């Protein structure tokens, strides 16, 4: 699934530099840190007067949107961030992060744990 590059007004970021994978994961996790801002069955839910809510994949996409699309059109770090999250999926998971996020038994804490593990892995590779 290609990463959406629409501008996002909800993420405060210094866009003068290209993001690192670590930056993207930190921003994405921050977007869904509050359980009220995490959703299932949708990538993004715009709620007037309230912060937008995201699923795990939607949070990664939104974290990428604060940066301009690279000249070559490829947002590799966003894809790498997504790969790090998916590498942390438990063995019982069927499908990708979107499928896992939407499983009825999966909780907000489960998703944050994936992000925490991927963030730790990305930090060690910086």
PDB file of N, CA and C in Angstrom:
ATOM      1  N   UNK A   1       0.844  -1.163   0.000  1.00  0.00           N
ATOM      2  CA  UNK A   1       0.000   0.000   0.000  1.00  0.00           C
ATOM      3  C   UNK A   1       0.900   1.240   0.000  1.00  0.00           C
ATOM      4  N   UNK A   2       0.730   2.160  -0.947  1.00  0.00           N
ATOM      5  CA  UNK A   2       1.583   3.350  -0.992  1.00  0.00           C
ATOM      6  C   UNK A   2       1.265   4.296   0.156  1.00  0.00           C
ATOM      7  N   UNK A   3       2.271   4.978   0.618  1.00  0.00           N
ATOM      8  CA  UNK A   3       2.072   5.929   1.703  1.00  0.00           C
ATOM      9  C   UNK A   3       1.494   7.224   1.145  1.00  0.00           C
ATOM     10  N   UNK A   4       0.500   7.747   1.810  1.00  0.00           N
ATOM     11  CA  UNK A   4      -0.185   8.968   1.420  1.00  0.00           C
ATOM     12  C   UNK A   4       0.692  10.159   1.807  1.00  0.00           C
ATOM     13  N   UNK A   5       0.867  11.092   0.906  1.00  0.00           N
ATOM     14  CA  UNK A   5       1.756  12.219   1.162  1.00  0.00           C
ATOM     15  C   UNK A   5       1.013  13.545   1.291  1.00  0.00           C
ATOM     16  N   UNK A   6      -0.308  13.513   1.532  1.00  0.00           N
ATOM     17  CA  UNK A   6      -1.038  14.767   1.703  1.00  0.00           C
ATOM     18  C   UNK A   6      -0.491  15.510   2.919  1.00  0.00           C
ATOM     19  N   UNK A   7      -0.524  16.861   2.885  1.00  0.00           N
ATOM     20  CA  UNK A   7      -0.050  17.607   4.049  1.00  0.00           C
ATOM     21  C   UNK A   7      -0.914  17.310   5.263  1.00  0.00           C
ATOM     22  N   UNK A   8      -0.315  17.304   6.416  1.00  0.00           N
ATOM     23  CA  UNK A   8      -1.050  17.091   7.652  1.00  0.00           C
ATOM     24  C   UNK A   8      -0.835  18.288   8.557  1.00  0.00           C
ATOM     25  N   UNK A   9      -1.921  18.893   8.977  1.00  0.00           N
ATOM     26  CA  UNK A   9      -1.819  20.056   9.846  1.00  0.00           C
ATOM     27  C   UNK A   9      -1.699  19.659  11.306  1.00  0.00           C
ATOM     28  N   UNK A  10      -1.897  18.395  11.609  1.00  0.00           N
ATOM     29  CA  UNK A  10      -1.985  17.979  13.001  1.00  0.00           C
ATOM     30  C   UNK A  10      -0.657  17.590  13.627  1.00  0.00           C
ATOM     31  N   UNK A  11       0.396  17.536  12.844  1.00  0.00           N
ATOM     32  CA  UNK A  11       1.670  17.094  13.386  1.00  0.00           C
ATOM     33  C   UNK A  11       2.635  18.262  13.342  1.00  0.00           C
ATOM     34  N   UNK A  12       3.160  18.626  14.488  1.00  0.00           N
ATOM     35  CA  UNK A  12       4.126  19.709  14.562  1.00  0.00           C
ATOM     36  C   UNK A  12       5.503  19.127  14.277  1.00  0.00           C
ATOM     37  N   UNK A  13       6.113  19.560  13.184  1.00  0.00           N
ATOM     38  CA  UNK A  13       7.403  18.975  12.829  1.00  0.00           C
ATOM     39  C   UNK A  13       8.281  20.003  12.137  1.00  0.00           C
ATOM     40  N   UNK A  14       9.575  19.803  12.266  1.00  0.00           N
ATOM     41  CA  UNK A  14      10.547  20.587  11.523  1.00  0.00           C
ATOM     42  C   UNK A  14      10.722  19.884  10.191  1.00  0.00           C
ATOM     43  N   UNK A  15      10.186  20.481   9.137  1.00  0.00           N
ATOM     44  CA  UNK A  15      10.241  19.820   7.835  1.00  0.00           C
ATOM     45  C   UNK A  15      11.434  20.278   7.006  1.00  0.00           C
ATOM     46  N   UNK A  16      12.380  20.940   7.632  1.00  0.00           N
ATOM     47  CA  UNK A  16      13.551  21.408   6.899  1.00  0.00           C
ATOM     48  C   UNK A  16      14.508  20.261   6.587  1.00  0.00           C
ATOM     49  N   UNK A  17      14.320  19.132   7.231  1.00  0.00           N
ATOM     50  CA  UNK A  17      15.179  17.979   7.006  1.00  0.00           C
ATOM     51  C   UNK A  17      14.322  16.775   6.655  1.00  0.00           C
ATOM     52  N   UNK A  18      14.925  15.818   6.020  1.00  0.00           N
ATOM     53  CA  UNK A  18      14.218  14.568   5.765  1.00  0.00           C
ATOM     54  C   UNK A  18      14.102  13.816   7.083  1.00  0.00           C
ATOM     55  N   UNK A  19      12.993  13.120   7.268  1.00  0.00           N
ATOM     56  CA  UNK A  19      12.829  12.377   8.517  1.00  0.00           C
ATOM     57  C   UNK A  19      13.659  11.113   8.520  1.00  0.00           C
ATOM     58  N   UNK A  20      13.944  10.640   9.704  1.00  0.00           N
ATOM     59  CA  UNK A  20      14.539   9.320   9.832  1.00  0.00           C
ATOM     60  C   UNK A  20      13.413   8.336  10.113  1.00  0.00           C
ATOM     61  N   UNK A  21      13.686   7.080   9.995  1.00  0.00           N
ATOM     62  CA  UNK A  21      12.709   6.049  10.340  1.00  0.00           C
ATOM     63  C   UNK A  21      12.284   6.234  11.791  1.00  0.00           C
ATOM     64  N   UNK A  22      13.241   6.506  12.646  1.00  0.00           N
ATOM     65  CA  UNK A  22      12.966   6.726  14.065  1.00  0.00           C
ATOM     66  C   UNK A  22      11.993   7.896  14.257  1.00  0.00           C
ATOM     67  N   UNK A  23      12.233   9.011  13.553  1.00  0.00           N
ATOM     68  CA  UNK A  23      11.345  10.177  13.625  1.00  0.00           C
ATOM     69  C   UNK A  23       9.915   9.802  13.252  1.00  0.00           C
ATOM     70  N   UNK A  24       9.775   9.066  12.176  1.00  0.00           N
ATOM     71  CA  UNK A  24       8.449   8.682  11.691  1.00  0.00           C
ATOM     72  C   UNK A  24       7.734   7.821  12.727  1.00  0.00           C
ATOM     73  N   UNK A  25       8.428   6.858  13.283  1.00  0.00           N
ATOM     74  CA  UNK A  25       7.809   5.982  14.277  1.00  0.00           C
ATOM     75  C   UNK A  25       7.415   6.747  15.538  1.00  0.00           C
ATOM     76  N   UNK A  26       8.251   7.652  15.987  1.00  0.00           N
ATOM     77  CA  UNK A  26       7.945   8.457  17.176  1.00  0.00           C
ATOM     78  C   UNK A  26       6.702   9.304  16.922  1.00  0.00           C
ATOM     79  N   UNK A  27       6.657   9.968  15.770  1.00  0.00           N
ATOM     80  CA  UNK A  27       5.501  10.812  15.442  1.00  0.00           C
ATOM     81  C   UNK A  27       4.230   9.988  15.310  1.00  0.00           C
ATOM     82  N   UNK A  28       4.334   8.843  14.657  1.00  0.00           N
ATOM     83  CA  UNK A  28       3.162   7.989  14.465  1.00  0.00           C
ATOM     84  C   UNK A  28       2.623   7.515  15.814  1.00  0.00           C
ATOM     85  N   UNK A  29       3.520   7.086  16.688  1.00  0.00           N
ATOM     86  CA  UNK A  29       3.077   6.620  18.003  1.00  0.00           C
ATOM     87  C   UNK A  29       2.409   7.743  18.782  1.00  0.00           C
ATOM     88  N   UNK A  30       2.972   8.942  18.690  1.00  0.00           N
ATOM     89  CA  UNK A  30       2.395  10.087  19.395  1.00  0.00           C
ATOM     90  C   UNK A  30       0.964  10.375  18.925  1.00  0.00           C
ATOM     91  N   UNK A  31       0.703  10.156  17.658  1.00  0.00           N
ATOM     92  CA  UNK A  31      -0.638  10.406  17.133  1.00  0.00           C
ATOM     93  C   UNK A  31      -1.688   9.484  17.736  1.00  0.00           C
ATOM     94  N   UNK A  32      -1.292   8.275  18.106  1.00  0.00           N
ATOM     95  CA  UNK A  32      -2.258   7.315  18.664  1.00  0.00           C
ATOM     96  C   UNK A  32      -1.987   7.005  20.133  1.00  0.00           C
ATOM     97  N   UNK A  33      -1.154   7.795  20.772  1.00  0.00           N
ATOM     98  CA  UNK A  33      -0.815   7.560  22.177  1.00  0.00           C
ATOM     99  C   UNK A  33      -2.058   7.549  23.070  1.00  0.00           C
ATOM    100  N   UNK A  34      -2.981   8.436  22.807  1.00  0.00           N
ATOM    101  CA  UNK A  34      -4.240   8.483  23.543  1.00  0.00           C
ATOM    102  C   UNK A  34      -5.187   7.452  22.930  1.00  0.00           C
ATOM    103  N   UNK A  35      -5.751   6.545  23.707  1.00  0.00           N
ATOM    104  CA  UNK A  35      -6.642   5.524  23.148  1.00  0.00           C
ATOM    105  C   UNK A  35      -7.810   6.100  22.354  1.00  0.00           C
ATOM    106  N   UNK A  36      -8.243   7.317  22.701  1.00  0.00           N
ATOM    107  CA  UNK A  36      -9.333   7.953  21.950  1.00  0.00           C
ATOM    108  C   UNK A  36      -8.924   8.329  20.535  1.00  0.00           C
ATOM    109  N   UNK A  37      -7.626   8.365  20.265  1.00  0.00           N
ATOM    110  CA  UNK A  37      -7.126   8.748  18.944  1.00  0.00           C
ATOM    111  C   UNK A  37      -6.694   7.551  18.111  1.00  0.00           C
ATOM    112  N   UNK A  38      -7.069   6.363  18.558  1.00  0.00           N
ATOM    113  CA  UNK A  38      -6.767   5.120  17.830  1.00  0.00           C
ATOM    114  C   UNK A  38      -8.078   4.495  17.387  1.00  0.00           C
ATOM    115  N   UNK A  39      -8.116   4.001  16.158  1.00  0.00           N
ATOM    116  CA  UNK A  39      -9.336   3.391  15.625  1.00  0.00           C
ATOM    117  C   UNK A  39      -9.038   2.061  14.951  1.00  0.00           C
ATOM    118  N   UNK A  40     -10.094   1.317  14.743  1.00  0.00           N
ATOM    119  CA  UNK A  40     -10.073   0.085  13.954  1.00  0.00           C
ATOM    120  C   UNK A  40     -10.976   0.320  12.753  1.00  0.00           C
ATOM    121  N   UNK A  41     -10.766  -0.465  11.717  1.00  0.00           N
ATOM    122  CA  UNK A  41     -11.631  -0.465  10.534  1.00  0.00           C
ATOM    123  C   UNK A  41     -11.577   0.825   9.722  1.00  0.00           C
ATOM    124  N   UNK A  42     -10.606   1.685   9.957  1.00  0.00           N
ATOM    125  CA  UNK A  42     -10.425   2.916   9.172  1.00  0.00           C
ATOM    126  C   UNK A  42      -8.993   3.378   9.371  1.00  0.00           C
ATOM    127  N   UNK A  43      -8.395   3.949   8.329  1.00  0.00           N
ATOM    128  CA  UNK A  43      -7.037   4.474   8.491  1.00  0.00           C
ATOM    129  C   UNK A  43      -7.038   5.803   9.214  1.00  0.00           C
ATOM    130  N   UNK A  44      -8.079   6.595   8.977  1.00  0.00           N
ATOM    131  CA  UNK A  44      -8.113   7.946   9.522  1.00  0.00           C
ATOM    132  C   UNK A  44      -9.576   8.350   9.697  1.00  0.00           C
ATOM    133  N   UNK A  45      -9.909   8.887  10.855  1.00  0.00           N
ATOM    134  CA  UNK A  45     -11.259   9.376  11.119  1.00  0.00           C
ATOM    135  C   UNK A  45     -11.144  10.830  11.564  1.00  0.00           C
ATOM    136  N   UNK A  46     -11.617  11.725  10.717  1.00  0.00           N
ATOM    137  CA  UNK A  46     -11.582  13.154  11.023  1.00  0.00           C
ATOM    138  C   UNK A  46     -12.811  13.476  11.864  1.00  0.00           C
ATOM    139  N   UNK A  47     -12.557  14.087  13.024  1.00  0.00           N
ATOM    140  CA  UNK A  47     -13.632  14.379  13.973  1.00  0.00           C
ATOM    141  C   UNK A  47     -13.612  15.868  14.288  1.00  0.00           C
ATOM    142  N   UNK A  48     -14.605  16.615  13.786  1.00  0.00           N
ATOM    143  CA  UNK A  48     -14.625  18.063  14.029  1.00  0.00           C
ATOM    144  C   UNK A  48     -14.509  18.394  15.513  1.00  0.00           C
ATOM    145  N   UNK A  49     -13.609  19.308  15.812  1.00  0.00           N
ATOM    146  CA  UNK A  49     -13.411  19.754  17.185  1.00  0.00           C
ATOM    147  C   UNK A  49     -12.591  18.814  18.047  1.00  0.00           C
ATOM    148  N   UNK A  50     -12.138  17.701  17.471  1.00  0.00           N
ATOM    149  CA  UNK A  50     -11.334  16.723  18.205  1.00  0.00           C
ATOM    150  C   UNK A  50     -10.172  16.297  17.322  1.00  0.00           C
ATOM    151  N   UNK A  51      -9.115  15.766  17.917  1.00  0.00           N
ATOM    152  CA  UNK A  51      -8.005  15.276  17.092  1.00  0.00           C
ATOM    153  C   UNK A  51      -8.456  14.139  16.169  1.00  0.00           C
ATOM    154  N   UNK A  52      -7.825  14.063  15.033  1.00  0.00           N
ATOM    155  CA  UNK A  52      -8.078  12.963  14.113  1.00  0.00           C
ATOM    156  C   UNK A  52      -7.640  11.667  14.772  1.00  0.00           C
ATOM    157  N   UNK A  53      -8.394  10.604  14.521  1.00  0.00           N
ATOM    158  CA  UNK A  53      -8.046   9.284  15.044  1.00  0.00           C
ATOM    159  C   UNK A  53      -7.475   8.446  13.909  1.00  0.00           C
ATOM    160  N   UNK A  54      -6.521   7.582  14.231  1.00  0.00           N
ATOM    161  CA  UNK A  54      -5.832   6.778  13.228  1.00  0.00           C
ATOM    162  C   UNK A  54      -5.721   5.327  13.674  1.00  0.00           C
ATOM    163  N   UNK A  55      -5.653   4.442  12.696  1.00  0.00           N
ATOM    164  CA  UNK A  55      -5.206   3.079  12.971  1.00  0.00           C
ATOM    165  C   UNK A  55      -3.677   3.118  12.916  1.00  0.00           C
ATOM    166  N   UNK A  56      -3.027   1.998  13.133  1.00  0.00           N
ATOM    167  CA  UNK A  56      -1.557   1.970  13.135  1.00  0.00           C
ATOM    168  C   UNK A  56      -0.993   2.421  11.784  1.00  0.00           C
ATOM    169  N   UNK A  57      -1.527   1.889  10.698  1.00  0.00           N
ATOM    170  CA  UNK A  57      -1.052   2.257   9.359  1.00  0.00           C
ATOM    171  C   UNK A  57      -1.332   3.733   9.073  1.00  0.00           C
ATOM    172  N   UNK A  58      -2.523   4.188   9.426  1.00  0.00           N
ATOM    173  CA  UNK A  58      -2.880   5.588   9.206  1.00  0.00           C
ATOM    174  C   UNK A  58      -1.972   6.532   9.965  1.00  0.00           C
ATOM    175  N   UNK A  59      -1.546   6.136  11.165  1.00  0.00           N
ATOM    176  CA  UNK A  59      -0.635   6.974  11.952  1.00  0.00           C
ATOM    177  C   UNK A  59       0.724   7.096  11.266  1.00  0.00           C
ATOM    178  N   UNK A  60       1.205   6.005  10.688  1.00  0.00           N
ATOM    179  CA  UNK A  60       2.477   6.065   9.955  1.00  0.00           C
ATOM    180  C   UNK A  60       2.339   6.975   8.746  1.00  0.00           C
ATOM    181  N   UNK A  61       1.253   6.837   8.012  1.00  0.00           N
ATOM    182  CA  UNK A  61       1.036   7.706   6.858  1.00  0.00           C
ATOM    183  C   UNK A  61       0.972   9.168   7.273  1.00  0.00           C
ATOM    184  N   UNK A  62       0.231   9.462   8.336  1.00  0.00           N
ATOM    185  CA  UNK A  62       0.105  10.844   8.801  1.00  0.00           C
ATOM    186  C   UNK A  62       1.449  11.394   9.263  1.00  0.00           C
ATOM    187  N   UNK A  63       2.249  10.566   9.911  1.00  0.00           N
ATOM    188  CA  UNK A  63       3.574  11.005  10.355  1.00  0.00           C
ATOM    189  C   UNK A  63       4.458  11.355   9.161  1.00  0.00           C
ATOM    190  N   UNK A  64       4.268  10.679   8.050  1.00  0.00           N
ATOM    191  CA  UNK A  64       5.054  10.959   6.843  1.00  0.00           C
ATOM    192  C   UNK A  64       4.595  12.231   6.137  1.00  0.00           C
ATOM    193  N   UNK A  65       3.339  12.583   6.295  1.00  0.00           N
ATOM    194  CA  UNK A  65       2.775  13.703   5.528  1.00  0.00           C
ATOM    195  C   UNK A  65       3.327  15.064   5.897  1.00  0.00           C
ATOM    196  N   UNK A  66       4.017  15.191   7.013  1.00  0.00           N
ATOM    197  CA  UNK A  66       4.560  16.503   7.386  1.00  0.00           C
ATOM    198  C   UNK A  66       5.774  16.863   6.541  1.00  0.00           C
ATOM    199  N   UNK A  67       6.297  15.923   5.824  1.00  0.00           N
ATOM    200  CA  UNK A  67       7.483  16.153   5.010  1.00  0.00           C
ATOM    201  C   UNK A  67       7.104  16.199   3.539  1.00  0.00           C
ATOM    202  N   UNK A  68       7.780  17.046   2.764  1.00  0.00           N
ATOM    203  CA  UNK A  68       7.490  17.065   1.326  1.00  0.00           C
ATOM    204  C   UNK A  68       7.924  15.755   0.677  1.00  0.00           C
ATOM    205  N   UNK A  69       7.219  15.392  -0.382  1.00  0.00           N
ATOM    206  CA  UNK A  69       7.577  14.180  -1.118  1.00  0.00           C
ATOM    207  C   UNK A  69       8.991  14.354  -1.678  1.00  0.00           C
ATOM    208  N   UNK A  70       9.835  13.348  -1.505  1.00  0.00           N
ATOM    209  CA  UNK A  70      11.191  13.440  -2.065  1.00  0.00           C
ATOM    210  C   UNK A  70      11.155  13.619  -3.582  1.00  0.00           C
ATOM    211  N   UNK A  71      12.214  14.216  -4.122  1.00  0.00           N
ATOM    212  CA  UNK A  71      12.265  14.463  -5.572  1.00  0.00           C
ATOM    213  C   UNK A  71      12.092  13.199  -6.393  1.00  0.00           C
ATOM    214  N   UNK A  72      12.585  12.080  -5.898  1.00  0.00           N
ATOM    215  CA  UNK A  72      12.448  10.840  -6.651  1.00  0.00           C
ATOM    216  C   UNK A  72      11.081  10.183  -6.441  1.00  0.00           C
ATOM    217  N   UNK A  73      10.238  10.794  -5.583  1.00  0.00           N
ATOM    218  CA  UNK A  73       8.890  10.281  -5.379  1.00  0.00           C
ATOM    219  C   UNK A  73       8.794   9.079  -4.470  1.00  0.00           C
ATOM    220  N   UNK A  74       9.912   8.612  -3.951  1.00  0.00           N
ATOM    221  CA  UNK A  74       9.913   7.411  -3.116  1.00  0.00           C
ATOM    222  C   UNK A  74      10.155   7.821  -1.672  1.00  0.00           C
ATOM    223  N   UNK A  75       9.263   7.437  -0.808  1.00  0.00           N
ATOM    224  CA  UNK A  75       9.395   7.762   0.598  1.00  0.00           C
ATOM    225  C   UNK A  75       9.872   6.514   1.322  1.00  0.00           C
ATOM    226  N   UNK A  76      11.142   6.200   1.133  1.00  0.00           N
ATOM    227  CA  UNK A  76      11.689   4.943   1.646  1.00  0.00           C
ATOM    228  C   UNK A  76      11.582   4.808   3.163  1.00  0.00           C
ATOM    229  N   UNK A  77      11.848   5.891   3.888  1.00  0.00           N
ATOM    230  CA  UNK A  77      11.840   5.789   5.345  1.00  0.00           C
ATOM    231  C   UNK A  77      10.454   5.449   5.884  1.00  0.00           C
ATOM    232  N   UNK A  78       9.412   5.923   5.232  1.00  0.00           N
ATOM    233  CA  UNK A  78       8.056   5.549   5.627  1.00  0.00           C
ATOM    234  C   UNK A  78       7.814   4.064   5.435  1.00  0.00           C
ATOM    235  N   UNK A  79       8.308   3.550   4.338  1.00  0.00           N
ATOM    236  CA  UNK A  79       8.148   2.116   4.071  1.00  0.00           C
ATOM    237  C   UNK A  79       8.996   1.280   5.037  1.00  0.00           C
ATOM    238  N   UNK A  80      10.177   1.773   5.357  1.00  0.00           N
ATOM    239  CA  UNK A  80      11.030   1.065   6.323  1.00  0.00           C
ATOM    240  C   UNK A  80      10.368   1.075   7.699  1.00  0.00           C
ATOM    241  N   UNK A  81       9.788   2.214   8.090  1.00  0.00           N
ATOM    242  CA  UNK A  81       9.085   2.295   9.375  1.00  0.00           C
ATOM    243  C   UNK A  81       7.948   1.275   9.420  1.00  0.00           C
ATOM    244  N   UNK A  82       7.200   1.203   8.351  1.00  0.00           N
ATOM    245  CA  UNK A  82       6.114   0.227   8.265  1.00  0.00           C
ATOM    246  C   UNK A  82       6.668  -1.198   8.376  1.00  0.00           C
ATOM    247  N   UNK A  83       7.780  -1.464   7.715  1.00  0.00           N
ATOM    248  CA  UNK A  83       8.407  -2.783   7.791  1.00  0.00           C
ATOM    249  C   UNK A  83       8.852  -3.137   9.194  1.00  0.00           C
ATOM    250  N   UNK A  84       9.371  -2.158   9.936  1.00  0.00           N
ATOM    251  CA  UNK A  84       9.787  -2.413  11.320  1.00  0.00           C
ATOM    252  C   UNK A  84       8.587  -2.743  12.206  1.00  0.00           C
ATOM    253  N   UNK A  85       7.484  -2.055  11.995  1.00  0.00           N
ATOM    254  CA  UNK A  85       6.268  -2.359  12.753  1.00  0.00           C
ATOM    255  C   UNK A  85       5.810  -3.780  12.428  1.00  0.00           C
ATOM    256  N   UNK A  86       5.767  -4.106  11.139  1.00  0.00           N
ATOM    257  CA  UNK A  86       5.284  -5.425  10.742  1.00  0.00           C
ATOM    258  C   UNK A  86       6.228  -6.542  11.186  1.00  0.00           C
ATOM    259  N   UNK A  87       7.509  -6.236  11.324  1.00  0.00           N
ATOM    260  CA  UNK A  87       8.470  -7.231  11.821  1.00  0.00           C
ATOM    261  C   UNK A  87       8.202  -7.580  13.282  1.00  0.00           C
ATOM    262  N   UNK A  88       7.512  -6.702  13.992  1.00  0.00           N
ATOM    263  CA  UNK A  88       7.195  -6.932  15.397  1.00  0.00           C
ATOM    264  C   UNK A  88       5.856  -7.649  15.601  1.00  0.00           C
ATOM    265  N   UNK A  89       5.144  -7.916  14.524  1.00  0.00           N
ATOM    266  CA  UNK A  89       3.869  -8.626  14.664  1.00  0.00           C
ATOM    267  C   UNK A  89       4.110  -9.995  15.287  1.00  0.00           C
ATOM    268  N   UNK A  90       3.227 -10.424  16.179  1.00  0.00           N
ATOM    269  CA  UNK A  90       3.404 -11.744  16.778  1.00  0.00           C
ATOM    270  C   UNK A  90       3.205 -12.853  15.755  1.00  0.00           C
ATOM    271  N   UNK A  91       3.740 -14.009  16.058  1.00  0.00           N
ATOM    272  CA  UNK A  91       3.688 -15.146  15.132  1.00  0.00           C
ATOM    273  C   UNK A  91       2.256 -15.541  14.792  1.00  0.00           C
ATOM    274  N   UNK A  92       1.317 -15.318  15.699  1.00  0.00           N
ATOM    275  CA  UNK A  92      -0.068 -15.709  15.436  1.00  0.00           C
ATOM    276  C   UNK A  92      -0.806 -14.738  14.515  1.00  0.00           C
ATOM    277  N   UNK A  93      -0.194 -13.582  14.233  1.00  0.00           N
ATOM    278  CA  UNK A  93      -0.863 -12.570  13.402  1.00  0.00           C
ATOM    279  C   UNK A  93      -1.037 -13.075  11.973  1.00  0.00           C
ATOM    280  N   UNK A  94      -2.216 -12.861  11.461  1.00  0.00           N
ATOM    281  CA  UNK A  94      -2.503 -13.200  10.070  1.00  0.00           C
ATOM    282  C   UNK A  94      -2.582 -11.898   9.280  1.00  0.00           C
ATOM    283  N   UNK A  95      -1.787 -11.779   8.243  1.00  0.00           N
ATOM    284  CA  UNK A  95      -1.827 -10.573   7.433  1.00  0.00           C
ATOM    285  C   UNK A  95      -0.828  -9.528   7.885  1.00  0.00           C
ATOM    286  N   UNK A  96      -1.141  -8.286   7.557  1.00  0.00           N
ATOM    287  CA  UNK A  96      -0.229  -7.173   7.817  1.00  0.00           C
ATOM    288  C   UNK A  96      -0.703  -6.360   9.023  1.00  0.00           C
ATOM    289  N   UNK A  97      -0.100  -5.193   9.223  1.00  0.00           N
ATOM    290  CA  UNK A  97      -0.434  -4.367  10.380  1.00  0.00           C
ATOM    291  C   UNK A  97      -1.889  -3.916  10.351  1.00  0.00           C
ATOM    292  N   UNK A  98      -2.426  -3.666   9.173  1.00  0.00           N
ATOM    293  CA  UNK A  98      -3.826  -3.254   9.068  1.00  0.00           C
ATOM    294  C   UNK A  98      -4.749  -4.367   9.552  1.00  0.00           C
ATOM    295  N   UNK A  99      -4.466  -5.587   9.123  1.00  0.00           N
ATOM    296  CA  UNK A  99      -5.273  -6.729   9.571  1.00  0.00           C
ATOM    297  C   UNK A  99      -5.155  -6.920  11.076  1.00  0.00           C
ATOM    298  N   UNK A 100      -3.927  -6.833  11.595  1.00  0.00           N
ATOM    299  CA  UNK A 100      -3.698  -7.013  13.028  1.00  0.00           C
ATOM    300  C   UNK A 100      -4.428  -5.938  13.829  1.00  0.00           C
ATOM    301  N   UNK A 101      -4.295  -4.684  13.414  1.00  0.00           N
ATOM    302  CA  UNK A 101      -4.941  -3.558  14.088  1.00  0.00           C
ATOM    303  C   UNK A 101      -6.454  -3.793  14.206  1.00  0.00           C
ATOM    304  N   UNK A 102      -7.047  -4.363  13.168  1.00  0.00           N
ATOM    305  CA  UNK A 102      -8.506  -4.515  13.113  1.00  0.00           C
ATOM    306  C   UNK A 102      -9.036  -5.780  13.770  1.00  0.00           C
ATOM    307  N   UNK A 103      -8.144  -6.666  14.206  1.00  0.00           N
ATOM    308  CA  UNK A 103      -8.601  -7.884  14.885  1.00  0.00           C
ATOM    309  C   UNK A 103      -9.360  -7.504  16.160  1.00  0.00           C
ATOM    310  N   UNK A 104     -10.517  -8.110  16.391  1.00  0.00           N
ATOM    311  CA  UNK A 104     -11.317  -7.753  17.575  1.00  0.00           C
ATOM    312  C   UNK A 104     -10.575  -7.885  18.910  1.00  0.00           C
ATOM    313  N   UNK A 105      -9.717  -8.861  19.044  1.00  0.00           N
ATOM    314  CA  UNK A 105      -9.031  -9.081  20.324  1.00  0.00           C
ATOM    315  C   UNK A 105      -7.844  -8.147  20.550  1.00  0.00           C
ATOM    316  N   UNK A 106      -7.414  -7.442  19.525  1.00  0.00           N
ATOM    317  CA  UNK A 106      -6.237  -6.574  19.644  1.00  0.00           C
ATOM    318  C   UNK A 106      -6.624  -5.261  20.316  1.00  0.00           C
ATOM    319  N   UNK A 107      -5.816  -4.866  21.285  1.00  0.00           N
ATOM    320  CA  UNK A 107      -6.091  -3.656  22.060  1.00  0.00           C
ATOM    321  C   UNK A 107      -5.148  -2.519  21.673  1.00  0.00           C
ATOM    322  N   UNK A 108      -5.479  -1.356  22.158  1.00  0.00           N
ATOM    323  CA  UNK A 108      -4.624  -0.182  21.984  1.00  0.00           C
ATOM    324  C   UNK A 108      -3.230  -0.470  22.554  1.00  0.00           C
ATOM    325  N   UNK A 109      -3.173  -1.097  23.703  1.00  0.00           N
ATOM    326  CA  UNK A 109      -1.879  -1.427  24.332  1.00  0.00           C
ATOM    327  C   UNK A 109      -1.057  -2.359  23.438  1.00  0.00           C
ATOM    328  N   UNK A 110      -1.710  -3.294  22.760  1.00  0.00           N
ATOM    329  CA  UNK A 110      -0.997  -4.192  21.843  1.00  0.00           C
ATOM    330  C   UNK A 110      -0.332  -3.401  20.713  1.00  0.00           C
ATOM    331  N   UNK A 111      -1.051  -2.434  20.186  1.00  0.00           N
ATOM    332  CA  UNK A 111      -0.520  -1.628  19.075  1.00  0.00           C
ATOM    333  C   UNK A 111       0.633  -0.755  19.569  1.00  0.00           C
ATOM    334  N   UNK A 112       0.472  -0.136  20.723  1.00  0.00           N
ATOM    335  CA  UNK A 112       1.565   0.691  21.257  1.00  0.00           C
ATOM    336  C   UNK A 112       2.810  -0.143  21.536  1.00  0.00           C
ATOM    337  N   UNK A 113       2.625  -1.372  21.972  1.00  0.00           N
ATOM    338  CA  UNK A 113       3.773  -2.253  22.199  1.00  0.00           C
ATOM    339  C   UNK A 113       4.532  -2.516  20.894  1.00  0.00           C
ATOM    340  N   UNK A 114       3.813  -2.710  19.800  1.00  0.00           N
ATOM    341  CA  UNK A 114       4.481  -2.879  18.497  1.00  0.00           C
ATOM    342  C   UNK A 114       5.312  -1.640  18.164  1.00  0.00           C
ATOM    343  N   UNK A 115       4.703  -0.471  18.361  1.00  0.00           N
ATOM    344  CA  UNK A 115       5.430   0.771  18.089  1.00  0.00           C
ATOM    345  C   UNK A 115       6.650   0.901  18.999  1.00  0.00           C
ATOM    346  N   UNK A 116       6.496   0.597  20.272  1.00  0.00           N
ATOM    347  CA  UNK A 116       7.624   0.714  21.206  1.00  0.00           C
ATOM    348  C   UNK A 116       8.781  -0.198  20.791  1.00  0.00           C
ATOM    349  N   UNK A 117       8.457  -1.402  20.384  1.00  0.00           N
ATOM    350  CA  UNK A 117       9.510  -2.331  19.948  1.00  0.00           C
ATOM    351  C   UNK A 117      10.169  -1.861  18.653  1.00  0.00           C
ATOM    352  N   UNK A 118       9.370  -1.377  17.714  1.00  0.00           N
ATOM    353  CA  UNK A 118       9.929  -0.883  16.447  1.00  0.00           C
ATOM    354  C   UNK A 118      10.771   0.377  16.689  1.00  0.00           C
ATOM    355  N   UNK A 119      10.336   1.233  17.591  1.00  0.00           N
ATOM    356  CA  UNK A 119      11.105   2.441  17.927  1.00  0.00           C
ATOM    357  C   UNK A 119      12.448   2.057  18.538  1.00  0.00           C
ATOM    358  N   UNK A 120      12.435   1.102  19.440  1.00  0.00           N
ATOM    359  CA  UNK A 120      13.692   0.637  20.051  1.00  0.00           C
ATOM    360  C   UNK A 120      14.619   0.057  18.986  1.00  0.00           C
ATOM    361  N   UNK A 121      14.073  -0.701  18.088  1.00  0.00           N
ATOM    362  CA  UNK A 121      14.886  -1.293  17.010  1.00  0.00           C
ATOM    363  C   UNK A 121      15.435  -0.204  16.089  1.00  0.00           C
ATOM    364  N   UNK A 122      14.608   0.805  15.778  1.00  0.00           N
ATOM    365  CA  UNK A 122      15.065   1.868  14.877  1.00  0.00           C
ATOM    366  C   UNK A 122      16.138   2.726  15.541  1.00  0.00           C
ATOM    367  N   UNK A 123      16.030   2.925  16.853  1.00  0.00           N
ATOM    368  CA  UNK A 123      17.017   3.706  17.575  1.00  0.00           C
ATOM    369  C   UNK A 123      18.377   3.004  17.585  1.00  0.00           C
ATOM    370  N   UNK A 124      18.351   1.700  17.713  1.00  0.00           N
ATOM    371  CA  UNK A 124      19.609   0.946  17.746  1.00  0.00           C
ATOM    372  C   UNK A 124      20.280   0.884  16.376  1.00  0.00           C
ATOM    373  N   UNK A 125      19.505   1.161  15.329  1.00  0.00           N
ATOM    374  CA  UNK A 125      20.090   1.111  13.985  1.00  0.00           C
ATOM    375  C   UNK A 125      20.472   2.485  13.465  1.00  0.00           C
ATOM    376  N   UNK A 126      20.263   3.548  14.289  1.00  0.00           N
ATOM    377  CA  UNK A 126      20.604   4.919  13.849  1.00  0.00           C
ATOM    378  C   UNK A 126      22.108   5.114  13.832  1.00  0.00           C
TER     379      UNK A 126
END
